[in-house]
Amino acid sequence: MNLKPSSLAALAGALILSLGVAATADAAGPQAITAQHAWVRWLPNNLPAAGYVTLVNSSAKPVDLTDISSDDYQGAMLHQTVANGSTQQMVMVDKLTVPAHGQVAIAPGGYHIMLEHAQHKVAPGDTVHLKLQFSDGETLDTVFAVKSPAQAN
C-alpha cells in the first residue's frame, strides 16, 4: 500500500482522536449519584408543589446537592421542615450532603424540593423533569412522577 504523507497524517489524526474519545469515555465512568423513587406532591390552584427523591452515592467521597432547576417550574429550591416548638417552618437550604457509599432521602416531613410557578399545566399522572446539580460536577436530569396528595400516602 502506498499512502501519501497527507493521507498518513489524516489517518494518524483520526487514530489519535478516536483513542482520545475512548479514554475520555472510560475516565467519565458511571455516575456516582443516582436518583430513586422521584415524585412530586401536586397541589391544586397553582399552589407550590413539593418534590421528593432518594439520592444514592456509590462513590467513596461525600457529594453535595448544590442546585436544582427545572424547565417545568420557574422556581426549584431545596427546603427543610424544621420543628420550632409546637410549630414547624420551612427553611431554605443551600446544600444537602449525600454521604460516601450512602444515601439521603428527600422525603415528607424533612428535606423537600419546593417547586413554584409551573411553566405549564401540571396534573397528577404527568411527569416533570428536575435537573439536580452536585458538587462533584455531576448533573442528573431526573424524571419525577406527579401524584395527588391522596396518591402520595
N, C-alpha and C. Protein backbone atom coordinates (compact mmCIF):
# COMPACT_ATOMS: atom_id res chain seq x y z
N MET A 1 0.85 -1.17 0.00
CA MET A 1 0.00 0.00 0.00
C MET A 1 0.89 1.22 0.00
N ASN A 2 0.60 2.15 -0.86
CA ASN A 2 1.39 3.36 -1.00
C ASN A 2 0.52 4.56 -0.60
N LEU A 3 0.75 5.11 0.58
CA LEU A 3 -0.04 6.24 1.07
C LEU A 3 0.76 7.53 0.97
N LYS A 4 0.09 8.58 0.61
CA LYS A 4 0.71 9.90 0.56
C LYS A 4 0.91 10.39 1.99
N PRO A 5 1.88 11.29 2.20
CA PRO A 5 2.10 11.85 3.54
C PRO A 5 0.85 12.49 4.12
N SER A 6 0.05 13.15 3.28
CA SER A 6 -1.15 13.80 3.79
C SER A 6 -2.17 12.76 4.25
N SER A 7 -2.24 11.61 3.57
CA SER A 7 -3.15 10.54 3.97
C SER A 7 -2.69 9.92 5.27
N LEU A 8 -1.38 9.74 5.42
CA LEU A 8 -0.84 9.20 6.67
C LEU A 8 -1.13 10.14 7.83
N ALA A 9 -0.99 11.43 7.61
CA ALA A 9 -1.27 12.40 8.67
C ALA A 9 -2.75 12.36 9.06
N ALA A 10 -3.63 12.26 8.08
CA ALA A 10 -5.06 12.20 8.36
C ALA A 10 -5.40 10.93 9.13
N LEU A 11 -4.80 9.79 8.71
CA LEU A 11 -5.03 8.53 9.39
C LEU A 11 -4.52 8.58 10.83
N ALA A 12 -3.35 9.13 11.04
CA ALA A 12 -2.78 9.25 12.39
C ALA A 12 -3.66 10.16 13.25
N GLY A 13 -4.13 11.27 12.67
CA GLY A 13 -5.00 12.19 13.42
C GLY A 13 -6.30 11.51 13.82
N ALA A 14 -6.89 10.74 12.93
CA ALA A 14 -8.14 10.03 13.23
C ALA A 14 -7.92 9.01 14.35
N LEU A 15 -6.78 8.30 14.29
CA LEU A 15 -6.47 7.31 15.31
C LEU A 15 -6.29 7.98 16.67
N ILE A 16 -5.57 9.07 16.72
CA ILE A 16 -5.35 9.80 17.98
C ILE A 16 -6.68 10.32 18.52
N LEU A 17 -7.51 10.87 17.64
CA LEU A 17 -8.81 11.38 18.06
C LEU A 17 -9.68 10.26 18.62
N SER A 18 -9.71 9.11 17.95
CA SER A 18 -10.55 8.01 18.43
C SER A 18 -10.04 7.47 19.77
N LEU A 19 -8.73 7.43 19.96
CA LEU A 19 -8.18 6.99 21.24
C LEU A 19 -8.51 7.99 22.33
N GLY A 20 -8.46 9.28 22.02
CA GLY A 20 -8.80 10.31 22.99
C GLY A 20 -10.25 10.23 23.42
N VAL A 21 -11.15 9.99 22.47
CA VAL A 21 -12.58 9.86 22.79
C VAL A 21 -12.80 8.65 23.67
N ALA A 22 -12.15 7.53 23.35
CA ALA A 22 -12.31 6.33 24.16
C ALA A 22 -11.79 6.56 25.58
N ALA A 23 -10.66 7.23 25.71
CA ALA A 23 -10.09 7.49 27.03
C ALA A 23 -11.01 8.40 27.84
N THR A 24 -11.59 9.40 27.18
CA THR A 24 -12.50 10.31 27.88
C THR A 24 -13.73 9.55 28.36
N ALA A 25 -14.28 8.69 27.54
CA ALA A 25 -15.47 7.93 27.94
C ALA A 25 -15.14 7.01 29.11
N ASP A 26 -13.98 6.37 29.08
CA ASP A 26 -13.59 5.49 30.18
C ASP A 26 -13.35 6.28 31.46
N ALA A 27 -12.75 7.47 31.34
CA ALA A 27 -12.44 8.27 32.52
C ALA A 27 -13.72 8.76 33.19
N ALA A 28 -14.75 9.05 32.40
CA ALA A 28 -16.00 9.54 32.97
C ALA A 28 -16.66 8.47 33.83
N GLY A 29 -16.65 7.23 33.35
CA GLY A 29 -17.20 6.12 34.11
C GLY A 29 -18.66 6.32 34.48
N PRO A 30 -19.17 5.44 35.32
CA PRO A 30 -20.57 5.56 35.75
C PRO A 30 -20.75 6.73 36.71
N GLN A 31 -21.97 7.25 36.75
CA GLN A 31 -22.25 8.36 37.66
C GLN A 31 -22.22 7.87 39.10
N ALA A 32 -21.69 8.71 39.99
CA ALA A 32 -21.61 8.35 41.41
C ALA A 32 -22.97 8.47 42.08
N ILE A 33 -23.78 9.42 41.62
CA ILE A 33 -25.08 9.67 42.25
C ILE A 33 -26.20 9.15 41.36
N THR A 34 -27.14 8.44 41.97
CA THR A 34 -28.35 8.03 41.26
C THR A 34 -29.55 8.50 42.05
N ALA A 35 -30.66 8.66 41.34
CA ALA A 35 -31.91 9.11 41.95
C ALA A 35 -32.92 7.96 41.90
N GLN A 36 -33.62 7.75 43.01
CA GLN A 36 -34.62 6.69 43.08
C GLN A 36 -35.91 7.25 43.67
N HIS A 37 -37.03 6.67 43.25
CA HIS A 37 -38.35 6.99 43.83
C HIS A 37 -38.65 8.49 43.76
N ALA A 38 -38.43 9.11 42.61
CA ALA A 38 -38.64 10.54 42.45
C ALA A 38 -40.12 10.82 42.16
N TRP A 39 -40.71 11.69 42.98
CA TRP A 39 -42.11 12.05 42.78
C TRP A 39 -42.39 13.45 43.30
N VAL A 40 -43.47 14.03 42.80
CA VAL A 40 -43.90 15.38 43.18
C VAL A 40 -45.30 15.29 43.76
N ARG A 41 -45.49 15.91 44.93
CA ARG A 41 -46.84 16.03 45.50
C ARG A 41 -47.46 17.29 44.91
N TRP A 42 -48.42 17.07 44.03
CA TRP A 42 -49.13 18.14 43.34
C TRP A 42 -50.19 18.74 44.25
N LEU A 43 -50.38 20.05 44.17
CA LEU A 43 -51.45 20.74 44.88
C LEU A 43 -52.26 21.56 43.88
N PRO A 44 -53.57 21.69 44.09
CA PRO A 44 -54.42 22.41 43.13
C PRO A 44 -54.22 23.93 43.19
N ASN A 45 -54.86 24.62 42.26
CA ASN A 45 -54.92 26.09 42.24
C ASN A 45 -53.56 26.76 42.15
N ASN A 46 -52.64 26.15 41.43
CA ASN A 46 -51.29 26.71 41.24
C ASN A 46 -50.53 26.92 42.53
N LEU A 47 -50.88 26.15 43.57
CA LEU A 47 -50.11 26.21 44.81
C LEU A 47 -48.74 25.56 44.58
N PRO A 48 -47.73 25.94 45.35
CA PRO A 48 -46.42 25.29 45.18
C PRO A 48 -46.52 23.79 45.41
N ALA A 49 -45.74 23.05 44.67
CA ALA A 49 -45.66 21.59 44.80
C ALA A 49 -44.38 21.25 45.56
N ALA A 50 -44.27 20.01 45.98
CA ALA A 50 -43.06 19.54 46.67
C ALA A 50 -42.53 18.30 45.98
N GLY A 51 -41.21 18.26 45.77
CA GLY A 51 -40.57 17.12 45.14
C GLY A 51 -39.80 16.30 46.16
N TYR A 52 -39.84 14.99 45.95
CA TYR A 52 -39.17 14.06 46.86
C TYR A 52 -38.39 13.04 46.04
N VAL A 53 -37.26 12.60 46.58
CA VAL A 53 -36.40 11.65 45.87
C VAL A 53 -35.39 11.08 46.87
N THR A 54 -34.93 9.88 46.62
CA THR A 54 -33.82 9.30 47.38
C THR A 54 -32.58 9.37 46.51
N LEU A 55 -31.52 9.98 47.04
CA LEU A 55 -30.25 10.11 46.33
C LEU A 55 -29.27 9.09 46.89
N VAL A 56 -28.65 8.31 46.01
CA VAL A 56 -27.72 7.26 46.40
C VAL A 56 -26.35 7.60 45.84
N ASN A 57 -25.34 7.57 46.71
CA ASN A 57 -23.96 7.89 46.34
C ASN A 57 -23.13 6.61 46.38
N SER A 58 -22.66 6.16 45.22
CA SER A 58 -21.84 4.94 45.16
C SER A 58 -20.34 5.24 45.26
N SER A 59 -19.98 6.50 45.40
CA SER A 59 -18.55 6.86 45.43
C SER A 59 -18.01 6.81 46.86
N ALA A 60 -16.69 6.92 46.97
CA ALA A 60 -16.01 6.89 48.26
C ALA A 60 -15.92 8.27 48.90
N LYS A 61 -16.51 9.28 48.26
CA LYS A 61 -16.47 10.65 48.79
C LYS A 61 -17.88 11.18 48.95
N PRO A 62 -18.13 11.97 50.01
CA PRO A 62 -19.44 12.62 50.11
C PRO A 62 -19.61 13.63 48.97
N VAL A 63 -20.84 13.80 48.52
CA VAL A 63 -21.14 14.72 47.43
C VAL A 63 -22.33 15.57 47.86
N ASP A 64 -22.25 16.88 47.58
CA ASP A 64 -23.33 17.80 47.95
C ASP A 64 -24.26 18.06 46.78
N LEU A 65 -25.56 18.04 47.04
CA LEU A 65 -26.55 18.55 46.11
C LEU A 65 -26.50 20.06 46.27
N THR A 66 -26.15 20.79 45.21
CA THR A 66 -25.91 22.22 45.34
C THR A 66 -26.89 23.10 44.58
N ASP A 67 -27.60 22.54 43.59
CA ASP A 67 -28.53 23.36 42.83
C ASP A 67 -29.60 22.48 42.21
N ILE A 68 -30.78 23.06 42.05
CA ILE A 68 -31.91 22.36 41.43
C ILE A 68 -32.56 23.34 40.46
N SER A 69 -32.86 22.88 39.26
CA SER A 69 -33.57 23.70 38.30
C SER A 69 -34.53 22.83 37.52
N SER A 70 -35.47 23.48 36.83
CA SER A 70 -36.46 22.74 36.06
C SER A 70 -37.02 23.63 34.96
N ASP A 71 -37.19 23.07 33.78
CA ASP A 71 -37.89 23.78 32.72
C ASP A 71 -39.40 23.77 32.98
N ASP A 72 -39.86 22.91 33.88
CA ASP A 72 -41.28 22.78 34.18
C ASP A 72 -41.76 23.77 35.25
N TYR A 73 -40.83 24.31 36.05
CA TYR A 73 -41.17 25.25 37.12
C TYR A 73 -40.23 26.44 37.08
N GLN A 74 -40.78 27.60 37.40
CA GLN A 74 -39.95 28.81 37.43
C GLN A 74 -38.97 28.77 38.60
N GLY A 75 -39.39 28.21 39.72
CA GLY A 75 -38.52 28.13 40.88
C GLY A 75 -38.44 26.72 41.43
N ALA A 76 -37.23 26.28 41.77
CA ALA A 76 -36.99 24.98 42.39
C ALA A 76 -35.92 25.18 43.45
N MET A 77 -36.28 24.98 44.71
CA MET A 77 -35.36 25.25 45.82
C MET A 77 -35.40 24.10 46.83
N LEU A 78 -34.27 23.84 47.43
CA LEU A 78 -34.20 22.84 48.48
C LEU A 78 -34.60 23.48 49.81
N HIS A 79 -35.57 22.87 50.47
CA HIS A 79 -36.04 23.33 51.78
C HIS A 79 -35.96 22.19 52.78
N GLN A 80 -35.99 22.56 54.05
CA GLN A 80 -36.06 21.58 55.13
C GLN A 80 -37.16 22.02 56.08
N THR A 81 -37.99 21.06 56.50
CA THR A 81 -39.01 21.34 57.51
C THR A 81 -38.34 21.19 58.86
N VAL A 82 -38.43 22.26 59.68
CA VAL A 82 -37.76 22.28 60.98
C VAL A 82 -38.81 22.54 62.07
N ALA A 83 -38.75 21.72 63.12
CA ALA A 83 -39.64 21.92 64.25
C ALA A 83 -39.17 23.12 65.06
N ASN A 84 -40.12 23.98 65.42
CA ASN A 84 -39.81 25.18 66.20
C ASN A 84 -40.84 25.24 67.33
N GLY A 85 -40.54 24.51 68.41
CA GLY A 85 -41.51 24.41 69.50
C GLY A 85 -42.69 23.58 69.03
N SER A 86 -43.88 24.15 69.12
CA SER A 86 -45.08 23.42 68.71
C SER A 86 -45.43 23.65 67.24
N THR A 87 -44.63 24.42 66.54
CA THR A 87 -44.89 24.68 65.12
C THR A 87 -43.75 24.14 64.26
N GLN A 88 -44.00 24.12 62.98
CA GLN A 88 -42.96 23.74 62.02
C GLN A 88 -42.82 24.86 61.01
N GLN A 89 -41.62 25.03 60.52
CA GLN A 89 -41.39 26.03 59.48
C GLN A 89 -40.48 25.45 58.41
N MET A 90 -40.57 26.02 57.21
CA MET A 90 -39.70 25.62 56.12
C MET A 90 -38.53 26.59 56.04
N VAL A 91 -37.34 26.04 55.95
CA VAL A 91 -36.12 26.83 55.86
C VAL A 91 -35.41 26.46 54.57
N MET A 92 -35.01 27.48 53.79
CA MET A 92 -34.25 27.22 52.57
C MET A 92 -32.86 26.72 52.94
N VAL A 93 -32.37 25.72 52.20
CA VAL A 93 -31.08 25.08 52.46
C VAL A 93 -30.20 25.25 51.22
N ASP A 94 -28.94 25.62 51.43
CA ASP A 94 -28.01 25.84 50.31
C ASP A 94 -27.49 24.54 49.70
N LYS A 95 -27.35 23.49 50.53
CA LYS A 95 -26.82 22.23 50.02
C LYS A 95 -27.27 21.09 50.92
N LEU A 96 -27.18 19.89 50.39
CA LEU A 96 -27.50 18.68 51.13
C LEU A 96 -26.43 17.65 50.80
N THR A 97 -25.78 17.13 51.82
CA THR A 97 -24.69 16.18 51.61
C THR A 97 -25.22 14.75 51.52
N VAL A 98 -24.80 14.07 50.44
CA VAL A 98 -25.09 12.65 50.27
C VAL A 98 -23.82 11.92 50.70
N PRO A 99 -23.87 11.15 51.80
CA PRO A 99 -22.64 10.54 52.32
C PRO A 99 -22.01 9.53 51.37
N ALA A 100 -20.70 9.33 51.51
CA ALA A 100 -19.99 8.33 50.72
C ALA A 100 -20.62 6.96 50.97
N HIS A 101 -20.81 6.21 49.90
CA HIS A 101 -21.42 4.87 49.97
C HIS A 101 -22.71 4.89 50.78
N GLY A 102 -23.48 5.96 50.65
CA GLY A 102 -24.70 6.09 51.43
C GLY A 102 -25.81 6.72 50.62
N GLN A 103 -26.85 7.09 51.31
CA GLN A 103 -27.99 7.70 50.65
C GLN A 103 -28.64 8.71 51.57
N VAL A 104 -29.43 9.58 50.98
CA VAL A 104 -30.20 10.55 51.74
C VAL A 104 -31.59 10.62 51.11
N ALA A 105 -32.60 10.65 51.97
CA ALA A 105 -33.98 10.73 51.49
C ALA A 105 -34.47 12.16 51.59
N ILE A 106 -34.91 12.68 50.47
CA ILE A 106 -35.63 13.95 50.44
C ILE A 106 -37.08 13.51 50.49
N ALA A 107 -37.70 13.61 51.69
CA ALA A 107 -38.98 12.95 51.95
C ALA A 107 -39.90 13.84 52.78
N PRO A 108 -41.20 13.58 52.71
CA PRO A 108 -42.15 14.37 53.50
C PRO A 108 -41.74 14.46 54.97
N GLY A 109 -41.86 15.66 55.53
CA GLY A 109 -41.52 15.88 56.93
C GLY A 109 -40.07 16.27 57.16
N GLY A 110 -39.26 16.26 56.12
CA GLY A 110 -37.84 16.61 56.25
C GLY A 110 -37.43 17.54 55.14
N TYR A 111 -36.41 17.12 54.39
CA TYR A 111 -35.99 17.88 53.23
C TYR A 111 -37.03 17.71 52.13
N HIS A 112 -37.23 18.74 51.33
CA HIS A 112 -38.11 18.66 50.16
C HIS A 112 -37.66 19.70 49.14
N ILE A 113 -38.06 19.47 47.91
CA ILE A 113 -37.77 20.42 46.84
C ILE A 113 -39.03 21.24 46.61
N MET A 114 -38.96 22.53 46.91
CA MET A 114 -40.10 23.42 46.73
C MET A 114 -40.15 23.82 45.26
N LEU A 115 -41.29 23.57 44.63
CA LEU A 115 -41.47 23.86 43.20
C LEU A 115 -42.56 24.92 43.07
N GLU A 116 -42.19 26.06 42.50
CA GLU A 116 -43.11 27.19 42.40
C GLU A 116 -43.31 27.62 40.97
N HIS A 117 -44.52 28.06 40.67
CA HIS A 117 -44.88 28.66 39.39
C HIS A 117 -44.63 27.71 38.22
N ALA A 118 -45.52 26.72 38.09
CA ALA A 118 -45.44 25.79 36.97
C ALA A 118 -45.45 26.55 35.65
N GLN A 119 -44.59 26.17 34.73
CA GLN A 119 -44.47 26.84 33.44
C GLN A 119 -45.58 26.41 32.47
N HIS A 120 -46.28 25.34 32.81
CA HIS A 120 -47.39 24.82 32.01
C HIS A 120 -48.28 24.04 32.97
N LYS A 121 -49.43 23.61 32.49
CA LYS A 121 -50.35 22.86 33.34
C LYS A 121 -49.69 21.55 33.75
N VAL A 122 -49.65 21.30 35.05
CA VAL A 122 -49.12 20.06 35.60
C VAL A 122 -50.24 19.43 36.42
N ALA A 123 -50.45 18.13 36.23
CA ALA A 123 -51.53 17.44 36.92
C ALA A 123 -51.07 16.03 37.32
N PRO A 124 -51.75 15.43 38.30
CA PRO A 124 -51.42 14.04 38.66
C PRO A 124 -51.43 13.14 37.43
N GLY A 125 -50.46 12.25 37.37
CA GLY A 125 -50.29 11.37 36.22
C GLY A 125 -49.23 11.88 35.25
N ASP A 126 -48.90 13.16 35.32
CA ASP A 126 -47.84 13.74 34.48
C ASP A 126 -46.47 13.37 35.04
N THR A 127 -45.46 13.71 34.29
CA THR A 127 -44.09 13.68 34.79
C THR A 127 -43.47 15.04 34.55
N VAL A 128 -42.54 15.42 35.42
CA VAL A 128 -41.79 16.65 35.26
C VAL A 128 -40.31 16.32 35.42
N HIS A 129 -39.46 17.17 34.85
CA HIS A 129 -38.02 16.95 34.91
C HIS A 129 -37.39 17.98 35.84
N LEU A 130 -36.52 17.49 36.72
CA LEU A 130 -35.71 18.37 37.55
C LEU A 130 -34.26 18.05 37.29
N LYS A 131 -33.45 19.09 37.17
CA LYS A 131 -32.02 18.93 36.98
C LYS A 131 -31.36 19.12 38.34
N LEU A 132 -30.73 18.07 38.83
CA LEU A 132 -30.05 18.08 40.13
C LEU A 132 -28.55 18.22 39.87
N GLN A 133 -27.93 19.26 40.46
CA GLN A 133 -26.51 19.51 40.24
C GLN A 133 -25.75 19.27 41.53
N PHE A 134 -24.59 18.64 41.40
CA PHE A 134 -23.80 18.22 42.56
C PHE A 134 -22.42 18.85 42.57
N SER A 135 -21.82 18.85 43.75
CA SER A 135 -20.51 19.49 43.96
C SER A 135 -19.39 18.83 43.18
N ASP A 136 -19.56 17.58 42.77
CA ASP A 136 -18.51 16.90 42.00
C ASP A 136 -18.63 17.16 40.50
N GLY A 137 -19.58 18.03 40.11
CA GLY A 137 -19.76 18.36 38.70
C GLY A 137 -20.83 17.54 38.01
N GLU A 138 -21.34 16.51 38.67
CA GLU A 138 -22.40 15.69 38.07
C GLU A 138 -23.70 16.46 38.00
N THR A 139 -24.48 16.16 36.98
CA THR A 139 -25.83 16.69 36.83
C THR A 139 -26.74 15.52 36.50
N LEU A 140 -27.84 15.40 37.22
CA LEU A 140 -28.84 14.37 36.94
C LEU A 140 -30.10 15.04 36.42
N ASP A 141 -30.51 14.70 35.22
CA ASP A 141 -31.81 15.13 34.70
C ASP A 141 -32.77 14.03 35.12
N THR A 142 -33.58 14.31 36.12
CA THR A 142 -34.37 13.29 36.78
C THR A 142 -35.86 13.48 36.49
N VAL A 143 -36.52 12.38 36.15
CA VAL A 143 -37.95 12.39 35.89
C VAL A 143 -38.68 12.14 37.21
N PHE A 144 -39.62 13.04 37.53
CA PHE A 144 -40.42 12.93 38.75
C PHE A 144 -41.88 12.65 38.35
N ALA A 145 -42.48 11.63 38.94
CA ALA A 145 -43.90 11.33 38.71
C ALA A 145 -44.73 12.27 39.56
N VAL A 146 -45.78 12.86 38.98
CA VAL A 146 -46.65 13.80 39.68
C VAL A 146 -47.81 13.02 40.27
N LYS A 147 -48.02 13.18 41.59
CA LYS A 147 -49.08 12.47 42.31
C LYS A 147 -49.96 13.46 43.05
N SER A 148 -51.22 13.11 43.19
CA SER A 148 -52.12 13.92 44.02
C SER A 148 -51.79 13.65 45.47
N PRO A 149 -52.23 14.52 46.41
CA PRO A 149 -51.98 14.24 47.83
C PRO A 149 -52.52 12.89 48.27
N ALA A 150 -53.66 12.48 47.72
CA ALA A 150 -54.23 11.17 48.08
C ALA A 150 -53.36 10.01 47.60
N GLN A 151 -52.73 10.15 46.44
CA GLN A 151 -51.87 9.09 45.89
C GLN A 151 -50.55 9.00 46.64
N ALA A 152 -50.14 10.10 47.25
CA ALA A 152 -48.83 10.18 47.89
C ALA A 152 -48.78 9.41 49.20
N ASN A 153 -49.92 9.15 49.80
CA ASN A 153 -49.93 8.46 51.10
C ASN A 153 -49.90 6.97 50.96
